[in-house]
Amino acid sequence: MVDFKLARYAAGARIKALRGDRSTAAHRLDEGVRIAATLHLPRLRAAIENERVRLGLPLTAGLEPPSPVEYATRRRPVDGIDTVTAQLEEDTAIRLLVAQDSPESTRLACTWAQESVTMLDGSQRRRALLQAKRLLIICLAAAGGTTEAKELLAAVTAQCADLDMIRYLLDSPAHLRTLATDLHDDLFAGRYLPEWAPVPMPVLTDMMTDTAPVDTI
């Protein structure tokens, strides 16, 4: 049931935002919040809140947003569904740390995001690992770790190209797009490091020329 509702409210809001209809996107998320609260569906609520933060949309449903998860008091998931919920909650919390734009919060965001990647590395949760790596790129770029961020972006971009998941990268925030432009320039200027994964040029071009990114964080 939750997966069907995620398609309607979370994915539906993202599609509306992609089409420039942010008002309807916000309304769709509000509907999802009300249903999640009424039916006590924490995974749906976590996904809706994550989408809201990523899209930079206000919460107008009359419900207070949940307090962000604290790094020092992270909970241990009790089952597979709860693990997905926890990852969504932590993803939201890390993005909010990046949005604070302070050295302390950005360092903590990087530490937290790196721990998420390390925990998922080698597991069978390949999509979750890809999500964690994308978030780590965002954190590294915000912290000024340009070389590390470029290396990881190259690896993720190559993987997304192999899987034909280009939209996955196009939905990223503006500073990740800027990093893609830097990678593109590095290729042409001979600065692309040999240890970096080879990236198809059309993918980088798409990231540079696509319309403004949907995600704000």
N, C-alpha and C. Protein backbone atom coordinates (compact mmCIF):
# COMPACT_ATOMS: atom_id res chain seq x y z
N MET A 1 0.82 -1.20 0.00
CA MET A 1 0.00 0.00 0.00
C MET A 1 0.87 1.26 0.00
N VAL A 2 1.91 1.25 0.79
CA VAL A 2 2.78 2.42 0.88
C VAL A 2 3.45 2.70 -0.45
N ASP A 3 3.88 1.66 -1.16
CA ASP A 3 4.56 1.86 -2.44
C ASP A 3 3.63 2.54 -3.45
N PHE A 4 2.35 2.17 -3.47
CA PHE A 4 1.41 2.83 -4.36
C PHE A 4 1.26 4.30 -3.97
N LYS A 5 1.23 4.58 -2.69
CA LYS A 5 1.07 5.96 -2.23
C LYS A 5 2.34 6.78 -2.49
N LEU A 6 3.49 6.13 -2.41
CA LEU A 6 4.73 6.82 -2.76
C LEU A 6 4.72 7.26 -4.21
N ALA A 7 4.21 6.40 -5.09
CA ALA A 7 4.14 6.75 -6.51
C ALA A 7 3.23 7.96 -6.71
N ARG A 8 2.11 7.98 -6.01
CA ARG A 8 1.16 9.08 -6.20
C ARG A 8 1.65 10.39 -5.59
N TYR A 9 2.13 10.33 -4.36
CA TYR A 9 2.42 11.57 -3.64
C TYR A 9 3.87 12.04 -3.77
N ALA A 10 4.84 11.15 -3.58
CA ALA A 10 6.25 11.57 -3.66
C ALA A 10 6.69 11.71 -5.12
N ALA A 11 6.58 10.63 -5.89
CA ALA A 11 6.96 10.70 -7.30
C ALA A 11 6.06 11.67 -8.06
N GLY A 12 4.77 11.69 -7.70
CA GLY A 12 3.85 12.61 -8.36
C GLY A 12 4.23 14.05 -8.14
N ALA A 13 4.64 14.39 -6.93
CA ALA A 13 5.07 15.76 -6.64
C ALA A 13 6.33 16.12 -7.43
N ARG A 14 7.26 15.17 -7.54
CA ARG A 14 8.49 15.44 -8.29
C ARG A 14 8.19 15.70 -9.77
N ILE A 15 7.28 14.94 -10.33
CA ILE A 15 6.90 15.14 -11.73
C ILE A 15 6.28 16.52 -11.92
N LYS A 16 5.40 16.92 -11.00
CA LYS A 16 4.80 18.25 -11.08
C LYS A 16 5.86 19.34 -11.00
N ALA A 17 6.84 19.14 -10.10
CA ALA A 17 7.91 20.12 -9.96
C ALA A 17 8.76 20.19 -11.23
N LEU A 18 9.02 19.03 -11.83
CA LEU A 18 9.77 19.00 -13.09
C LEU A 18 9.07 19.80 -14.18
N ARG A 19 7.75 19.81 -14.14
CA ARG A 19 6.97 20.53 -15.14
C ARG A 19 6.74 21.98 -14.76
N GLY A 20 7.35 22.41 -13.65
CA GLY A 20 7.24 23.80 -13.23
C GLY A 20 6.03 24.13 -12.39
N ASP A 21 5.22 23.13 -12.05
CA ASP A 21 4.01 23.35 -11.27
C ASP A 21 4.29 23.06 -9.80
N ARG A 22 5.02 23.96 -9.15
CA ARG A 22 5.44 23.73 -7.77
C ARG A 22 4.27 23.84 -6.80
N SER A 23 3.26 24.62 -7.14
CA SER A 23 2.09 24.73 -6.27
C SER A 23 1.37 23.39 -6.15
N THR A 24 1.15 22.73 -7.29
CA THR A 24 0.50 21.42 -7.26
C THR A 24 1.41 20.39 -6.61
N ALA A 25 2.72 20.53 -6.81
CA ALA A 25 3.67 19.61 -6.17
C ALA A 25 3.55 19.72 -4.65
N ALA A 26 3.49 20.95 -4.13
CA ALA A 26 3.34 21.15 -2.69
C ALA A 26 2.02 20.58 -2.20
N HIS A 27 0.96 20.78 -2.97
CA HIS A 27 -0.35 20.24 -2.59
C HIS A 27 -0.33 18.72 -2.56
N ARG A 28 0.37 18.10 -3.50
CA ARG A 28 0.46 16.64 -3.56
C ARG A 28 1.20 16.12 -2.32
N LEU A 29 2.26 16.81 -1.93
CA LEU A 29 3.00 16.41 -0.73
C LEU A 29 2.16 16.59 0.53
N ASP A 30 1.38 17.67 0.57
CA ASP A 30 0.49 17.89 1.72
C ASP A 30 -0.51 16.75 1.87
N GLU A 31 -1.06 16.31 0.75
CA GLU A 31 -1.99 15.17 0.79
C GLU A 31 -1.30 13.93 1.36
N GLY A 32 -0.08 13.71 0.90
CA GLY A 32 0.68 12.55 1.38
C GLY A 32 0.95 12.62 2.86
N VAL A 33 1.28 13.83 3.37
CA VAL A 33 1.53 14.00 4.80
C VAL A 33 0.29 13.67 5.62
N ARG A 34 -0.86 14.17 5.17
CA ARG A 34 -2.09 13.92 5.91
C ARG A 34 -2.43 12.42 5.96
N ILE A 35 -2.25 11.74 4.84
CA ILE A 35 -2.54 10.31 4.80
C ILE A 35 -1.54 9.53 5.66
N ALA A 36 -0.28 9.91 5.59
CA ALA A 36 0.74 9.23 6.41
C ALA A 36 0.44 9.39 7.89
N ALA A 37 0.01 10.59 8.30
CA ALA A 37 -0.31 10.83 9.70
C ALA A 37 -1.57 10.07 10.11
N THR A 38 -2.58 10.09 9.25
CA THR A 38 -3.85 9.44 9.58
C THR A 38 -3.71 7.93 9.69
N LEU A 39 -2.94 7.33 8.75
CA LEU A 39 -2.81 5.88 8.69
C LEU A 39 -1.57 5.37 9.44
N HIS A 40 -0.83 6.29 10.05
CA HIS A 40 0.38 5.92 10.80
C HIS A 40 1.35 5.13 9.92
N LEU A 41 1.80 5.78 8.85
CA LEU A 41 2.72 5.16 7.88
C LEU A 41 4.05 5.91 7.92
N PRO A 42 4.98 5.50 8.80
CA PRO A 42 6.23 6.25 8.95
C PRO A 42 7.09 6.27 7.70
N ARG A 43 7.09 5.19 6.92
CA ARG A 43 7.92 5.20 5.70
C ARG A 43 7.39 6.22 4.71
N LEU A 44 6.08 6.32 4.56
CA LEU A 44 5.50 7.31 3.67
C LEU A 44 5.81 8.72 4.17
N ARG A 45 5.68 8.94 5.45
CA ARG A 45 5.97 10.27 6.01
C ARG A 45 7.43 10.65 5.80
N ALA A 46 8.34 9.68 6.01
CA ALA A 46 9.76 9.96 5.81
C ALA A 46 10.07 10.29 4.36
N ALA A 47 9.44 9.56 3.43
CA ALA A 47 9.67 9.82 2.00
C ALA A 47 9.10 11.17 1.59
N ILE A 48 7.93 11.52 2.10
CA ILE A 48 7.31 12.81 1.79
C ILE A 48 8.17 13.95 2.31
N GLU A 49 8.65 13.82 3.55
CA GLU A 49 9.48 14.87 4.13
C GLU A 49 10.79 15.00 3.37
N ASN A 50 11.37 13.88 2.96
CA ASN A 50 12.60 13.92 2.17
C ASN A 50 12.38 14.63 0.85
N GLU A 51 11.27 14.33 0.20
CA GLU A 51 10.95 14.97 -1.08
C GLU A 51 10.72 16.46 -0.88
N ARG A 52 10.03 16.82 0.19
CA ARG A 52 9.75 18.22 0.46
C ARG A 52 11.03 19.02 0.66
N VAL A 53 11.96 18.47 1.45
CA VAL A 53 13.22 19.15 1.71
C VAL A 53 14.04 19.26 0.43
N ARG A 54 14.11 18.18 -0.34
CA ARG A 54 14.89 18.21 -1.58
C ARG A 54 14.34 19.23 -2.57
N LEU A 55 13.01 19.33 -2.66
CA LEU A 55 12.39 20.26 -3.60
C LEU A 55 12.31 21.68 -3.05
N GLY A 56 12.60 21.85 -1.77
CA GLY A 56 12.55 23.18 -1.18
C GLY A 56 11.14 23.73 -1.09
N LEU A 57 10.16 22.86 -0.78
CA LEU A 57 8.76 23.27 -0.72
C LEU A 57 8.30 23.39 0.72
N PRO A 58 7.40 24.32 1.00
CA PRO A 58 6.90 24.48 2.37
C PRO A 58 5.89 23.42 2.73
N LEU A 59 5.75 23.19 4.02
CA LEU A 59 4.72 22.28 4.52
C LEU A 59 3.51 23.12 4.92
N THR A 60 2.39 22.90 4.29
CA THR A 60 1.20 23.73 4.54
C THR A 60 0.01 22.90 4.96
N ALA A 61 0.23 21.66 5.36
CA ALA A 61 -0.88 20.78 5.69
C ALA A 61 -1.38 20.96 7.11
N GLY A 62 -0.82 21.91 7.87
CA GLY A 62 -1.25 22.10 9.24
C GLY A 62 -0.57 21.17 10.21
N LEU A 63 0.42 20.41 9.75
CA LEU A 63 1.18 19.49 10.60
C LEU A 63 2.62 19.96 10.68
N GLU A 64 3.17 19.94 11.87
CA GLU A 64 4.56 20.32 12.03
C GLU A 64 5.47 19.25 11.42
N PRO A 65 6.52 19.65 10.71
CA PRO A 65 7.46 18.64 10.19
C PRO A 65 8.15 17.94 11.35
N PRO A 66 8.49 16.67 11.19
CA PRO A 66 9.19 15.96 12.28
C PRO A 66 10.55 16.57 12.53
N SER A 67 10.99 16.51 13.77
CA SER A 67 12.32 17.01 14.09
C SER A 67 13.37 16.16 13.37
N PRO A 68 14.40 16.79 12.78
CA PRO A 68 15.42 16.00 12.07
C PRO A 68 16.11 15.02 13.00
N VAL A 69 16.48 13.89 12.44
CA VAL A 69 17.25 12.89 13.20
C VAL A 69 18.59 13.50 13.61
N GLU A 70 19.00 13.24 14.83
CA GLU A 70 20.30 13.71 15.32
C GLU A 70 21.35 12.63 15.10
N TYR A 71 22.53 13.06 14.66
CA TYR A 71 23.62 12.11 14.39
C TYR A 71 23.96 11.28 15.62
N ALA A 72 23.99 11.91 16.78
CA ALA A 72 24.43 11.23 18.00
C ALA A 72 23.37 10.28 18.55
N THR A 73 22.12 10.42 18.12
CA THR A 73 21.05 9.59 18.69
C THR A 73 20.32 8.81 17.60
N ARG A 74 21.04 8.42 16.56
CA ARG A 74 20.41 7.64 15.49
C ARG A 74 19.89 6.31 16.07
N ARG A 75 18.74 5.92 15.58
CA ARG A 75 18.16 4.67 16.07
C ARG A 75 18.62 3.48 15.24
N ARG A 76 18.46 2.31 15.77
CA ARG A 76 18.80 1.08 15.06
C ARG A 76 17.52 0.50 14.45
N PRO A 77 17.43 0.37 13.14
CA PRO A 77 16.22 -0.17 12.53
C PRO A 77 15.94 -1.59 13.00
N VAL A 78 14.66 -1.93 13.06
CA VAL A 78 14.27 -3.24 13.58
C VAL A 78 13.98 -4.25 12.47
N ASP A 79 13.77 -3.78 11.24
CA ASP A 79 13.52 -4.70 10.13
C ASP A 79 13.84 -4.00 8.81
N GLY A 80 13.58 -4.69 7.70
CA GLY A 80 13.94 -4.14 6.40
C GLY A 80 13.21 -2.86 6.06
N ILE A 81 11.91 -2.81 6.30
CA ILE A 81 11.13 -1.61 6.01
C ILE A 81 11.60 -0.44 6.88
N ASP A 82 11.88 -0.74 8.14
CA ASP A 82 12.35 0.30 9.05
C ASP A 82 13.73 0.80 8.62
N THR A 83 14.53 -0.07 8.02
CA THR A 83 15.84 0.34 7.52
C THR A 83 15.69 1.37 6.41
N VAL A 84 14.74 1.14 5.51
CA VAL A 84 14.47 2.10 4.43
C VAL A 84 13.99 3.43 5.02
N THR A 85 13.10 3.34 6.00
CA THR A 85 12.60 4.56 6.66
C THR A 85 13.73 5.34 7.31
N ALA A 86 14.61 4.63 8.00
CA ALA A 86 15.73 5.29 8.68
C ALA A 86 16.66 5.96 7.69
N GLN A 87 16.90 5.32 6.55
CA GLN A 87 17.78 5.92 5.56
C GLN A 87 17.17 7.21 5.01
N LEU A 88 15.87 7.20 4.77
CA LEU A 88 15.20 8.41 4.31
C LEU A 88 15.31 9.53 5.35
N GLU A 89 15.10 9.18 6.59
CA GLU A 89 15.17 10.18 7.66
C GLU A 89 16.58 10.75 7.78
N GLU A 90 17.58 9.88 7.67
CA GLU A 90 18.96 10.36 7.77
C GLU A 90 19.36 11.17 6.55
N ASP A 91 18.90 10.77 5.37
CA ASP A 91 19.15 11.54 4.16
C ASP A 91 18.62 12.97 4.32
N THR A 92 17.40 13.09 4.85
CA THR A 92 16.81 14.40 5.08
C THR A 92 17.63 15.21 6.07
N ALA A 93 18.03 14.58 7.16
CA ALA A 93 18.81 15.27 8.19
C ALA A 93 20.15 15.76 7.64
N ILE A 94 20.80 14.93 6.83
CA ILE A 94 22.09 15.32 6.26
C ILE A 94 21.93 16.49 5.31
N ARG A 95 20.88 16.47 4.48
CA ARG A 95 20.64 17.59 3.56
C ARG A 95 20.38 18.89 4.33
N LEU A 96 19.66 18.78 5.44
CA LEU A 96 19.40 19.97 6.24
C LEU A 96 20.70 20.50 6.87
N LEU A 97 21.61 19.61 7.24
CA LEU A 97 22.91 20.05 7.73
C LEU A 97 23.68 20.81 6.66
N VAL A 98 23.67 20.29 5.44
CA VAL A 98 24.34 20.98 4.33
C VAL A 98 23.72 22.36 4.11
N ALA A 99 22.40 22.43 4.22
CA ALA A 99 21.69 23.69 3.98
C ALA A 99 22.05 24.76 5.02
N GLN A 100 22.53 24.35 6.20
CA GLN A 100 22.92 25.33 7.22
C GLN A 100 24.14 26.13 6.79
N ASP A 101 24.93 25.55 5.88
CA ASP A 101 26.06 26.26 5.27
C ASP A 101 27.05 26.79 6.30
N SER A 102 27.35 25.97 7.29
CA SER A 102 28.39 26.32 8.26
C SER A 102 29.45 25.23 8.23
N PRO A 103 30.70 25.57 8.55
CA PRO A 103 31.76 24.56 8.51
C PRO A 103 31.47 23.36 9.40
N GLU A 104 30.91 23.61 10.59
CA GLU A 104 30.64 22.52 11.52
C GLU A 104 29.57 21.57 10.99
N SER A 105 28.46 22.15 10.50
CA SER A 105 27.37 21.30 10.01
C SER A 105 27.78 20.55 8.75
N THR A 106 28.58 21.19 7.91
CA THR A 106 29.02 20.54 6.68
C THR A 106 29.98 19.39 6.97
N ARG A 107 30.88 19.58 7.93
CA ARG A 107 31.79 18.49 8.31
C ARG A 107 31.00 17.31 8.86
N LEU A 108 30.01 17.59 9.69
CA LEU A 108 29.19 16.51 10.24
C LEU A 108 28.41 15.80 9.13
N ALA A 109 27.91 16.57 8.18
CA ALA A 109 27.18 15.98 7.05
C ALA A 109 28.09 15.03 6.27
N CYS A 110 29.34 15.44 6.04
CA CYS A 110 30.29 14.59 5.32
C CYS A 110 30.58 13.30 6.09
N THR A 111 30.80 13.43 7.39
CA THR A 111 31.08 12.26 8.23
C THR A 111 29.91 11.29 8.19
N TRP A 112 28.72 11.82 8.35
CA TRP A 112 27.50 11.01 8.39
C TRP A 112 27.28 10.32 7.05
N ALA A 113 27.41 11.09 5.97
CA ALA A 113 27.20 10.52 4.63
C ALA A 113 28.23 9.45 4.30
N GLN A 114 29.49 9.67 4.71
CA GLN A 114 30.53 8.67 4.47
C GLN A 114 30.24 7.39 5.24
N GLU A 115 29.76 7.52 6.45
CA GLU A 115 29.42 6.33 7.24
C GLU A 115 28.29 5.55 6.58
N SER A 116 27.34 6.25 5.99
CA SER A 116 26.24 5.58 5.30
C SER A 116 26.75 4.78 4.11
N VAL A 117 27.68 5.38 3.34
CA VAL A 117 28.26 4.68 2.19
C VAL A 117 29.04 3.45 2.67
N THR A 118 29.85 3.62 3.70
CA THR A 118 30.65 2.51 4.21
C THR A 118 29.77 1.37 4.70
N MET A 119 28.68 1.70 5.37
CA MET A 119 27.78 0.68 5.90
C MET A 119 27.11 -0.11 4.78
N LEU A 120 26.79 0.56 3.68
CA LEU A 120 26.07 -0.10 2.58
C LEU A 120 27.00 -0.77 1.58
N ASP A 121 28.26 -0.38 1.59
CA ASP A 121 29.21 -0.94 0.61
C ASP A 121 29.35 -2.45 0.82
N GLY A 122 29.18 -3.19 -0.26
CA GLY A 122 29.28 -4.64 -0.19
C GLY A 122 27.97 -5.32 0.13
N SER A 123 26.93 -4.55 0.41
CA SER A 123 25.62 -5.14 0.69
C SER A 123 24.89 -5.39 -0.63
N GLN A 124 23.72 -6.01 -0.51
CA GLN A 124 22.89 -6.25 -1.69
C GLN A 124 21.95 -5.07 -1.98
N ARG A 125 22.03 -4.04 -1.17
CA ARG A 125 21.16 -2.87 -1.37
C ARG A 125 21.86 -1.88 -2.31
N ARG A 126 21.92 -2.26 -3.57
CA ARG A 126 22.71 -1.47 -4.53
C ARG A 126 22.12 -0.10 -4.81
N ARG A 127 20.80 -0.02 -4.89
CA ARG A 127 20.20 1.29 -5.13
C ARG A 127 20.38 2.20 -3.91
N ALA A 128 20.25 1.64 -2.71
CA ALA A 128 20.47 2.43 -1.50
C ALA A 128 21.91 2.94 -1.45
N LEU A 129 22.86 2.12 -1.89
CA LEU A 129 24.26 2.54 -1.92
C LEU A 129 24.45 3.67 -2.93
N LEU A 130 23.79 3.57 -4.07
CA LEU A 130 23.89 4.63 -5.07
C LEU A 130 23.32 5.94 -4.52
N GLN A 131 22.22 5.86 -3.80
CA GLN A 131 21.64 7.05 -3.18
C GLN A 131 22.60 7.65 -2.16
N ALA A 132 23.22 6.79 -1.36
CA ALA A 132 24.15 7.27 -0.34
C ALA A 132 25.37 7.93 -0.98
N LYS A 133 25.84 7.38 -2.08
CA LYS A 133 27.00 7.97 -2.77
C LYS A 133 26.64 9.33 -3.36
N ARG A 134 25.44 9.45 -3.94
CA ARG A 134 25.02 10.74 -4.49
C ARG A 134 24.98 11.79 -3.38
N LEU A 135 24.46 11.39 -2.22
CA LEU A 135 24.40 12.33 -1.09
C LEU A 135 25.80 12.71 -0.62
N LEU A 136 26.72 11.75 -0.60
CA LEU A 136 28.09 12.04 -0.19
C LEU A 136 28.75 13.03 -1.15
N ILE A 137 28.48 12.90 -2.44
CA ILE A 137 29.02 13.86 -3.42
C ILE A 137 28.55 15.27 -3.09
N ILE A 138 27.26 15.40 -2.78
CA ILE A 138 26.70 16.70 -2.44
C ILE A 138 27.41 17.28 -1.21
N CYS A 139 27.63 16.43 -0.20
CA CYS A 139 28.29 16.88 1.02
C CYS A 139 29.74 17.28 0.76
N LEU A 140 30.47 16.46 0.01
CA LEU A 140 31.87 16.76 -0.29
C LEU A 140 32.00 18.06 -1.08
N ALA A 141 31.11 18.25 -2.04
CA ALA A 141 31.15 19.48 -2.84
C ALA A 141 30.88 20.70 -1.96
N ALA A 142 29.92 20.57 -1.05
CA ALA A 142 29.59 21.68 -0.15
C ALA A 142 30.75 21.99 0.80
N ALA A 143 31.53 20.96 1.14
CA ALA A 143 32.65 21.13 2.07
C ALA A 143 33.92 21.58 1.38
N GLY A 144 33.89 21.68 0.05
CA GLY A 144 35.08 22.08 -0.68
C GLY A 144 36.01 20.94 -1.02
N GLY A 145 35.56 19.70 -0.81
CA GLY A 145 36.39 18.54 -1.17
C GLY A 145 36.21 18.21 -2.64
N THR A 146 36.64 19.11 -3.49
CA THR A 146 36.33 19.03 -4.92
C THR A 146 36.91 17.78 -5.57
N THR A 147 38.17 17.46 -5.29
CA THR A 147 38.79 16.31 -5.94
C THR A 147 38.10 15.01 -5.56
N GLU A 148 37.83 14.84 -4.27
CA GLU A 148 37.12 13.63 -3.83
C GLU A 148 35.72 13.57 -4.44
N ALA A 149 35.05 14.72 -4.46
CA ALA A 149 33.70 14.76 -5.00
C ALA A 149 33.70 14.42 -6.49
N LYS A 150 34.69 14.93 -7.22
CA LYS A 150 34.78 14.64 -8.66
C LYS A 150 35.02 13.15 -8.90
N GLU A 151 35.91 12.56 -8.12
CA GLU A 151 36.21 11.14 -8.30
C GLU A 151 34.97 10.28 -8.08
N LEU A 152 34.22 10.59 -7.02
CA LEU A 152 33.01 9.83 -6.73
C LEU A 152 31.92 10.12 -7.76
N LEU A 153 31.83 11.37 -8.20
CA LEU A 153 30.83 11.72 -9.22
C LEU A 153 31.12 10.97 -10.51
N ALA A 154 32.39 10.86 -10.87
CA ALA A 154 32.76 10.13 -12.09
C ALA A 154 32.31 8.68 -11.99
N ALA A 155 32.54 8.06 -10.83
CA ALA A 155 32.15 6.65 -10.64
C ALA A 155 30.63 6.49 -10.69
N VAL A 156 29.91 7.38 -10.02
CA VAL A 156 28.45 7.30 -10.01
C VAL A 156 27.87 7.60 -11.38
N THR A 157 28.44 8.57 -12.07
CA THR A 157 27.96 8.91 -13.41
C THR A 157 28.14 7.76 -14.37
N ALA A 158 29.30 7.11 -14.30
CA ALA A 158 29.55 5.95 -15.16
C ALA A 158 28.56 4.83 -14.86
N GLN A 159 28.27 4.61 -13.58
CA GLN A 159 27.31 3.57 -13.20
C GLN A 159 25.91 3.92 -13.69
N CYS A 160 25.50 5.17 -13.52
CA CYS A 160 24.17 5.59 -13.98
C CYS A 160 24.05 5.48 -15.50
N ALA A 161 25.14 5.78 -16.21
CA ALA A 161 25.11 5.66 -17.67
C ALA A 161 24.92 4.20 -18.08
N ASP A 162 25.61 3.29 -17.39
CA ASP A 162 25.46 1.87 -17.69
C ASP A 162 24.03 1.38 -17.44
N LEU A 163 23.39 1.95 -16.42
CA LEU A 163 22.04 1.54 -16.03
C LEU A 163 20.95 2.37 -16.72
N ASP A 164 21.37 3.33 -17.54
CA ASP A 164 20.42 4.23 -18.22
C ASP A 164 19.56 4.98 -17.20
N MET A 165 20.21 5.47 -16.15
CA MET A 165 19.52 6.21 -15.08
C MET A 165 19.97 7.67 -15.07
N ILE A 166 19.96 8.32 -16.22
CA ILE A 166 20.48 9.67 -16.32
C ILE A 166 19.63 10.66 -15.52
N ARG A 167 18.32 10.46 -15.49
CA ARG A 167 17.45 11.36 -14.73
C ARG A 167 17.84 11.40 -13.26
N TYR A 168 18.41 10.32 -12.79
CA TYR A 168 18.83 10.22 -11.39
C TYR A 168 19.84 11.32 -11.05
N LEU A 169 20.71 11.63 -12.01
CA LEU A 169 21.69 12.68 -11.80
C LEU A 169 21.13 14.06 -12.13
N LEU A 170 20.24 14.12 -13.11
CA LEU A 170 19.69 15.41 -13.51
C LEU A 170 18.85 16.03 -12.40
N ASP A 171 18.34 15.23 -11.50
CA ASP A 171 17.53 15.75 -10.39
C ASP A 171 18.38 16.30 -9.25
N SER A 172 19.68 16.30 -9.41
CA SER A 172 20.57 16.71 -8.32
C SER A 172 20.62 18.23 -8.18
N PRO A 173 21.08 18.72 -7.02
CA PRO A 173 21.17 20.16 -6.80
C PRO A 173 22.16 20.85 -7.72
N ALA A 174 22.12 22.18 -7.72
CA ALA A 174 22.91 22.96 -8.66
C ALA A 174 24.41 22.74 -8.49
N HIS A 175 24.89 22.61 -7.24
CA HIS A 175 26.34 22.49 -7.09
C HIS A 175 26.86 21.15 -7.59
N LEU A 176 26.01 20.14 -7.66
CA LEU A 176 26.44 18.89 -8.27
C LEU A 176 26.53 19.05 -9.79
N ARG A 177 25.62 19.84 -10.35
CA ARG A 177 25.70 20.14 -11.79
C ARG A 177 27.00 20.91 -12.10
N THR A 178 27.35 21.84 -11.20
CA THR A 178 28.59 22.59 -11.38
C THR A 178 29.79 21.65 -11.39
N LEU A 179 29.75 20.66 -10.52
CA LEU A 179 30.83 19.68 -10.47
C LEU A 179 30.91 18.90 -11.78
N ALA A 180 29.75 18.58 -12.37
CA ALA A 180 29.74 17.89 -13.66
C ALA A 180 30.37 18.77 -14.74
N THR A 181 30.12 20.06 -14.68
CA THR A 181 30.75 20.99 -15.63
C THR A 181 32.27 20.98 -15.47
N ASP A 182 32.72 20.94 -14.22
CA ASP A 182 34.16 20.87 -13.96
C ASP A 182 34.77 19.59 -14.53
N LEU A 183 34.05 18.45 -14.37
CA LEU A 183 34.53 17.19 -14.93
C LEU A 183 34.62 17.29 -16.45
N HIS A 184 33.61 17.88 -17.05
CA HIS A 184 33.59 18.07 -18.51
C HIS A 184 34.80 18.89 -18.95
N ASP A 185 35.08 19.99 -18.24
CA ASP A 185 36.22 20.84 -18.58
C ASP A 185 37.55 20.11 -18.36
N ASP A 186 37.60 19.28 -17.31
CA ASP A 186 38.82 18.52 -17.04
C ASP A 186 39.13 17.56 -18.18
N LEU A 187 38.10 16.95 -18.74
CA LEU A 187 38.29 16.03 -19.86
C LEU A 187 38.92 16.75 -21.05
N PHE A 188 38.42 17.93 -21.35
CA PHE A 188 38.92 18.67 -22.51
C PHE A 188 40.29 19.29 -22.26
N ALA A 189 40.57 19.62 -21.00
CA ALA A 189 41.83 20.29 -20.69
C ALA A 189 42.94 19.32 -20.31
N GLY A 190 42.65 18.02 -20.32
CA GLY A 190 43.66 17.04 -19.97
C GLY A 190 43.95 16.95 -18.49
N ARG A 191 43.01 17.43 -17.68
CA ARG A 191 43.20 17.38 -16.22
C ARG A 191 42.48 16.18 -15.59
N TYR A 192 41.80 15.40 -16.40
CA TYR A 192 41.02 14.26 -15.88
C TYR A 192 42.00 13.19 -15.40
N LEU A 193 41.93 12.86 -14.12
CA LEU A 193 42.91 11.95 -13.53
C LEU A 193 42.69 10.51 -14.02
N PRO A 194 43.76 9.79 -14.27
CA PRO A 194 43.62 8.44 -14.83
C PRO A 194 42.90 7.46 -13.92
N GLU A 195 42.94 7.70 -12.60
CA GLU A 195 42.28 6.76 -11.69
C GLU A 195 40.77 6.99 -11.61
N TRP A 196 40.29 8.07 -12.20
CA TRP A 196 38.85 8.32 -12.20
C TRP A 196 38.16 7.42 -13.23
N ALA A 197 36.93 7.02 -12.91
CA ALA A 197 36.17 6.17 -13.84
C ALA A 197 35.88 6.94 -15.13
N PRO A 198 35.99 6.27 -16.29
CA PRO A 198 35.68 6.94 -17.55
C PRO A 198 34.19 7.27 -17.64
N VAL A 199 33.88 8.51 -18.00
CA VAL A 199 32.49 8.98 -18.04
C VAL A 199 32.11 9.28 -19.48
N PRO A 200 30.97 8.79 -19.96
CA PRO A 200 30.51 9.13 -21.31
C PRO A 200 30.26 10.63 -21.42
N MET A 201 30.85 11.27 -22.39
CA MET A 201 30.71 12.70 -22.57
C MET A 201 29.25 13.15 -22.71
N PRO A 202 28.39 12.42 -23.45
CA PRO A 202 26.99 12.87 -23.58
C PRO A 202 26.27 13.02 -22.24
N VAL A 203 26.64 12.19 -21.26
CA VAL A 203 25.98 12.29 -19.96
C VAL A 203 26.35 13.60 -19.28
N LEU A 204 27.63 13.95 -19.31
CA LEU A 204 28.05 15.21 -18.72
C LEU A 204 27.42 16.39 -19.46
N THR A 205 27.33 16.28 -20.77
CA THR A 205 26.71 17.35 -21.56
C THR A 205 25.25 17.53 -21.18
N ASP A 206 24.54 16.41 -20.99
CA ASP A 206 23.14 16.48 -20.58
C ASP A 206 23.01 17.18 -19.22
N MET A 207 23.91 16.88 -18.30
CA MET A 207 23.85 17.49 -16.98
C MET A 207 24.11 18.99 -17.05
N MET A 208 24.89 19.41 -18.04
CA MET A 208 25.21 20.83 -18.18
C MET A 208 24.12 21.61 -18.90
N THR A 209 23.43 20.95 -19.83
CA THR A 209 22.51 21.67 -20.69
C THR A 209 21.04 21.45 -20.33
N ASP A 210 20.75 20.52 -19.44
CA ASP A 210 19.37 20.30 -19.03
C ASP A 210 18.83 21.53 -18.32
N THR A 211 17.51 21.61 -18.18
CA THR A 211 16.91 22.73 -17.49
C THR A 211 17.37 22.78 -16.04
N ALA A 212 17.02 23.85 -15.35
CA ALA A 212 17.46 24.04 -13.97
C ALA A 212 17.11 22.84 -13.11
N PRO A 213 18.00 22.43 -12.20
CA PRO A 213 17.74 21.25 -11.38
C PRO A 213 16.51 21.44 -10.51
N VAL A 214 15.81 20.33 -10.26
CA VAL A 214 14.62 20.37 -9.43
C VAL A 214 15.00 20.46 -7.95
N ASP A 215 15.98 19.67 -7.54
CA ASP A 215 16.37 19.66 -6.14
C ASP A 215 17.08 20.96 -5.76
N THR A 216 16.74 21.49 -4.61
CA THR A 216 17.43 22.68 -4.10
C THR A 216 18.51 22.33 -3.09
N ILE A 217 18.40 21.15 -2.49
CA ILE A 217 19.40 20.68 -1.51
C ILE A 217 19.88 19.31 -1.93
